[in-house]
């Protein structure tokens, strides 16, 4: 599996608050709606799953493991076209300073890896910064 790592972002909250929000998949649907991400449509979520359509392709994500205040692990759900795992890692520096990064491991063939490597990294960075922006506003 290929590994991609986002930028580390700062969120002005403690790890418990971030964990409680991010371990509920309905947060992602609220965040996507608020951010008005044009590419994401038909968002449906429960506490453990979230599915949506991006450029005509159905994608689903489900939480498979939670380590309170440290890590949330996600993987594909439903008809997701590639095998992947995502780790959202939290590191509390102070009571109002938690650092967050996203690690993606995906099974990509050589052609997909060559075509998408830069876009995946850029996408992970965008998601990490969007999470940070969203949580720092409230």
C-alpha atoms as a PDB file:
ATOM      1  CA  UNK A   1       0.000   0.000   0.000  1.00  0.00           C
ATOM      2  CA  UNK A   2       1.126   3.507  -0.748  1.00  0.00           C
ATOM      3  CA  UNK A   3       1.209   6.045   2.088  1.00  0.00           C
ATOM      4  CA  UNK A   4       0.349   9.737   1.893  1.00  0.00           C
ATOM      5  CA  UNK A   5       0.588  12.159   4.836  1.00  0.00           C
ATOM      6  CA  UNK A   6      -1.095  15.543   5.156  1.00  0.00           C
ATOM      7  CA  UNK A   7       0.322  18.724   6.578  1.00  0.00           C
ATOM      8  CA  UNK A   8       0.134  18.942  10.366  1.00  0.00           C
ATOM      9  CA  UNK A   9      -2.497  21.513  11.312  1.00  0.00           C
ATOM     10  CA  UNK A  10      -3.162  23.311  14.589  1.00  0.00           C
ATOM     11  CA  UNK A  11      -6.612  23.328  16.132  1.00  0.00           C
ATOM     12  CA  UNK A  12      -7.326  25.621  19.063  1.00  0.00           C
ATOM     13  CA  UNK A  13      -9.138  22.958  21.083  1.00  0.00           C
ATOM     14  CA  UNK A  14      -8.203  20.069  23.313  1.00  0.00           C
ATOM     15  CA  UNK A  15      -7.895  16.566  21.875  1.00  0.00           C
ATOM     16  CA  UNK A  16     -11.070  15.343  23.617  1.00  0.00           C
ATOM     17  CA  UNK A  17     -13.246  17.961  21.902  1.00  0.00           C
ATOM     18  CA  UNK A  18     -11.766  17.215  18.478  1.00  0.00           C
ATOM     19  CA  UNK A  19     -12.028  13.471  19.003  1.00  0.00           C
ATOM     20  CA  UNK A  20     -15.694  13.732  20.032  1.00  0.00           C
ATOM     21  CA  UNK A  21     -16.530  15.664  16.859  1.00  0.00           C
ATOM     22  CA  UNK A  22     -14.400  13.639  14.439  1.00  0.00           C
ATOM     23  CA  UNK A  23     -15.472  10.232  15.748  1.00  0.00           C
ATOM     24  CA  UNK A  24     -19.028  10.982  14.589  1.00  0.00           C
ATOM     25  CA  UNK A  25     -19.302  10.802  10.792  1.00  0.00           C
ATOM     26  CA  UNK A  26     -22.249  13.221  10.745  1.00  0.00           C
ATOM     27  CA  UNK A  27     -19.659  15.938  11.465  1.00  0.00           C
ATOM     28  CA  UNK A  28     -18.200  15.385   7.984  1.00  0.00           C
ATOM     29  CA  UNK A  29     -21.535  15.887   6.277  1.00  0.00           C
ATOM     30  CA  UNK A  30     -22.072  19.108   8.250  1.00  0.00           C
ATOM     31  CA  UNK A  31     -18.558  20.307   7.396  1.00  0.00           C
ATOM     32  CA  UNK A  32     -18.946  19.517   3.673  1.00  0.00           C
ATOM     33  CA  UNK A  33     -22.290  21.339   3.567  1.00  0.00           C
ATOM     34  CA  UNK A  34     -20.882  24.361   5.384  1.00  0.00           C
ATOM     35  CA  UNK A  35     -17.800  24.507   3.159  1.00  0.00           C
ATOM     36  CA  UNK A  36     -19.999  24.213   0.059  1.00  0.00           C
ATOM     37  CA  UNK A  37     -17.617  21.815  -1.628  1.00  0.00           C
ATOM     38  CA  UNK A  38     -18.946  21.706  -5.179  1.00  0.00           C
ATOM     39  CA  UNK A  39     -17.528  18.291  -6.053  1.00  0.00           C
ATOM     40  CA  UNK A  40     -19.295  16.520  -3.169  1.00  0.00           C
ATOM     41  CA  UNK A  41     -22.965  15.666  -3.609  1.00  0.00           C
ATOM     42  CA  UNK A  42     -25.629  13.440  -2.043  1.00  0.00           C
ATOM     43  CA  UNK A  43     -24.028  13.212   1.410  1.00  0.00           C
ATOM     44  CA  UNK A  44     -25.554  10.677   3.787  1.00  0.00           C
ATOM     45  CA  UNK A  45     -24.154   9.854   7.202  1.00  0.00           C
ATOM     46  CA  UNK A  46     -24.647   7.994  10.454  1.00  0.00           C
ATOM     47  CA  UNK A  47     -22.390   8.025  13.489  1.00  0.00           C
ATOM     48  CA  UNK A  48     -20.112   5.363  11.946  1.00  0.00           C
ATOM     49  CA  UNK A  49     -20.548   5.811   8.171  1.00  0.00           C
ATOM     50  CA  UNK A  50     -20.643   8.503   5.531  1.00  0.00           C
ATOM     51  CA  UNK A  51     -21.317   8.130   1.808  1.00  0.00           C
ATOM     52  CA  UNK A  52     -21.299  10.735  -0.952  1.00  0.00           C
ATOM     53  CA  UNK A  53     -20.791  11.187  -4.675  1.00  0.00           C
ATOM     54  CA  UNK A  54     -17.718  12.900  -6.159  1.00  0.00           C
ATOM     55  CA  UNK A  55     -17.710  13.559  -9.904  1.00  0.00           C
ATOM     56  CA  UNK A  56     -20.252  10.782 -10.442  1.00  0.00           C
ATOM     57  CA  UNK A  57     -18.370   8.225  -8.343  1.00  0.00           C
ATOM     58  CA  UNK A  58     -19.923   6.897  -5.118  1.00  0.00           C
ATOM     59  CA  UNK A  59     -17.557   6.900  -2.150  1.00  0.00           C
ATOM     60  CA  UNK A  60     -18.208   5.560   1.323  1.00  0.00           C
ATOM     61  CA  UNK A  61     -16.176   5.815   4.515  1.00  0.00           C
ATOM     62  CA  UNK A  62     -16.709   4.021   7.802  1.00  0.00           C
ATOM     63  CA  UNK A  63     -14.998   4.213  11.172  1.00  0.00           C
ATOM     64  CA  UNK A  64     -13.324   0.926  12.061  1.00  0.00           C
ATOM     65  CA  UNK A  65     -11.438   1.858  15.229  1.00  0.00           C
ATOM     66  CA  UNK A  66     -11.296   4.623  17.798  1.00  0.00           C
ATOM     67  CA  UNK A  67      -8.552   5.271  20.338  1.00  0.00           C
ATOM     68  CA  UNK A  68      -9.966   8.035  22.530  1.00  0.00           C
ATOM     69  CA  UNK A  69      -8.301  11.404  22.100  1.00  0.00           C
ATOM     70  CA  UNK A  70      -5.483   9.984  19.905  1.00  0.00           C
ATOM     71  CA  UNK A  71      -6.581   8.196  16.730  1.00  0.00           C
ATOM     72  CA  UNK A  72      -9.630   7.506  14.606  1.00  0.00           C
ATOM     73  CA  UNK A  73      -9.290   4.911  11.828  1.00  0.00           C
ATOM     74  CA  UNK A  74     -11.462   4.874   8.712  1.00  0.00           C
ATOM     75  CA  UNK A  75     -11.765   2.616   5.671  1.00  0.00           C
ATOM     76  CA  UNK A  76     -13.889   2.223   2.554  1.00  0.00           C
ATOM     77  CA  UNK A  77     -17.590   1.445   2.760  1.00  0.00           C
ATOM     78  CA  UNK A  78     -20.109   0.277   0.151  1.00  0.00           C
ATOM     79  CA  UNK A  79     -18.861   0.470  -3.435  1.00  0.00           C
ATOM     80  CA  UNK A  80     -15.683   2.479  -2.901  1.00  0.00           C
ATOM     81  CA  UNK A  81     -13.486   1.763  -5.946  1.00  0.00           C
ATOM     82  CA  UNK A  82     -10.119   1.405  -4.156  1.00  0.00           C
ATOM     83  CA  UNK A  83      -8.965  -0.198  -0.932  1.00  0.00           C
ATOM     84  CA  UNK A  84      -7.803   2.426   1.561  1.00  0.00           C
ATOM     85  CA  UNK A  85      -7.303   3.188   5.247  1.00  0.00           C
ATOM     86  CA  UNK A  86      -7.198   6.640   6.847  1.00  0.00           C
ATOM     87  CA  UNK A  87      -5.811   7.521  10.256  1.00  0.00           C
ATOM     88  CA  UNK A  88      -6.715  10.835  11.852  1.00  0.00           C
ATOM     89  CA  UNK A  89      -3.998  11.413  14.427  1.00  0.00           C
ATOM     90  CA  UNK A  90      -4.353  13.866  17.331  1.00  0.00           C
ATOM     91  CA  UNK A  91      -1.507  15.190  19.493  1.00  0.00           C
ATOM     92  CA  UNK A  92      -2.484  17.540  22.299  1.00  0.00           C
ATOM     93  CA  UNK A  93       0.251  20.117  22.970  1.00  0.00           C
ATOM     94  CA  UNK A  94      -1.736  22.214  25.464  1.00  0.00           C
ATOM     95  CA  UNK A  95      -5.383  22.474  26.537  1.00  0.00           C
ATOM     96  CA  UNK A  96      -6.139  24.760  23.581  1.00  0.00           C
ATOM     97  CA  UNK A  97      -3.574  23.436  21.100  1.00  0.00           C
ATOM     98  CA  UNK A  98      -3.951  20.078  19.376  1.00  0.00           C
ATOM     99  CA  UNK A  99      -2.039  19.104  16.259  1.00  0.00           C
ATOM    100  CA  UNK A 100      -3.792  16.941  13.690  1.00  0.00           C
ATOM    101  CA  UNK A 101      -2.587  15.054  10.661  1.00  0.00           C
ATOM    102  CA  UNK A 102      -4.175  12.633   8.248  1.00  0.00           C
ATOM    103  CA  UNK A 103      -2.410   9.491   7.030  1.00  0.00           C
ATOM    104  CA  UNK A 104      -3.818   7.666   4.005  1.00  0.00           C
ATOM    105  CA  UNK A 105      -2.760   4.200   2.923  1.00  0.00           C
ATOM    106  CA  UNK A 106      -4.236   3.133  -0.389  1.00  0.00           C
ATOM    107  CA  UNK A 107      -3.781   0.231  -2.737  1.00  0.00           C
ATOM    108  CA  UNK A 108      -3.065   1.936  -6.068  1.00  0.00           C
ATOM    109  CA  UNK A 109      -1.827   0.414  -9.284  1.00  0.00           C
ATOM    110  CA  UNK A 110       1.236   2.017 -10.892  1.00  0.00           C
ATOM    111  CA  UNK A 111      -0.778   4.087 -13.362  1.00  0.00           C
ATOM    112  CA  UNK A 112      -3.121   5.463 -10.671  1.00  0.00           C
ATOM    113  CA  UNK A 113      -0.187   6.189  -8.370  1.00  0.00           C
ATOM    114  CA  UNK A 114       1.635   8.069 -11.129  1.00  0.00           C
ATOM    115  CA  UNK A 115      -1.443  10.080 -12.116  1.00  0.00           C
ATOM    116  CA  UNK A 116      -2.814  10.803  -8.651  1.00  0.00           C
ATOM    117  CA  UNK A 117       0.163  11.037  -6.264  1.00  0.00           C
ATOM    118  CA  UNK A 118       0.315  14.844  -6.195  1.00  0.00           C
ATOM    119  CA  UNK A 119      -3.464  15.243  -6.206  1.00  0.00           C
ATOM    120  CA  UNK A 120      -3.875  12.881  -3.252  1.00  0.00           C
ATOM    121  CA  UNK A 121      -1.346  14.790  -1.149  1.00  0.00           C
ATOM    122  CA  UNK A 122      -2.933  18.102  -2.133  1.00  0.00           C
ATOM    123  CA  UNK A 123      -6.392  16.721  -1.300  1.00  0.00           C
ATOM    124  CA  UNK A 124      -5.280  15.477   2.130  1.00  0.00           C
ATOM    125  CA  UNK A 125      -3.740  18.862   2.891  1.00  0.00           C
ATOM    126  CA  UNK A 126      -6.955  20.594   1.818  1.00  0.00           C
ATOM    127  CA  UNK A 127      -9.048  18.331   4.069  1.00  0.00           C
ATOM    128  CA  UNK A 128      -6.706  18.841   7.049  1.00  0.00           C
ATOM    129  CA  UNK A 129      -6.793  22.626   6.626  1.00  0.00           C
ATOM    130  CA  UNK A 130     -10.586  22.576   6.145  1.00  0.00           C
ATOM    131  CA  UNK A 131     -10.986  20.644   9.410  1.00  0.00           C
ATOM    132  CA  UNK A 132      -8.693  23.114  11.158  1.00  0.00           C
ATOM    133  CA  UNK A 133     -10.497  26.148   9.719  1.00  0.00           C
ATOM    134  CA  UNK A 134     -13.910  24.718  10.576  1.00  0.00           C
ATOM    135  CA  UNK A 135     -13.021  23.844  14.173  1.00  0.00           C
ATOM    136  CA  UNK A 136     -11.081  27.041  14.810  1.00  0.00           C
ATOM    137  CA  UNK A 137     -14.072  29.189  13.785  1.00  0.00           C
ATOM    138  CA  UNK A 138     -16.381  27.752  16.437  1.00  0.00           C
END
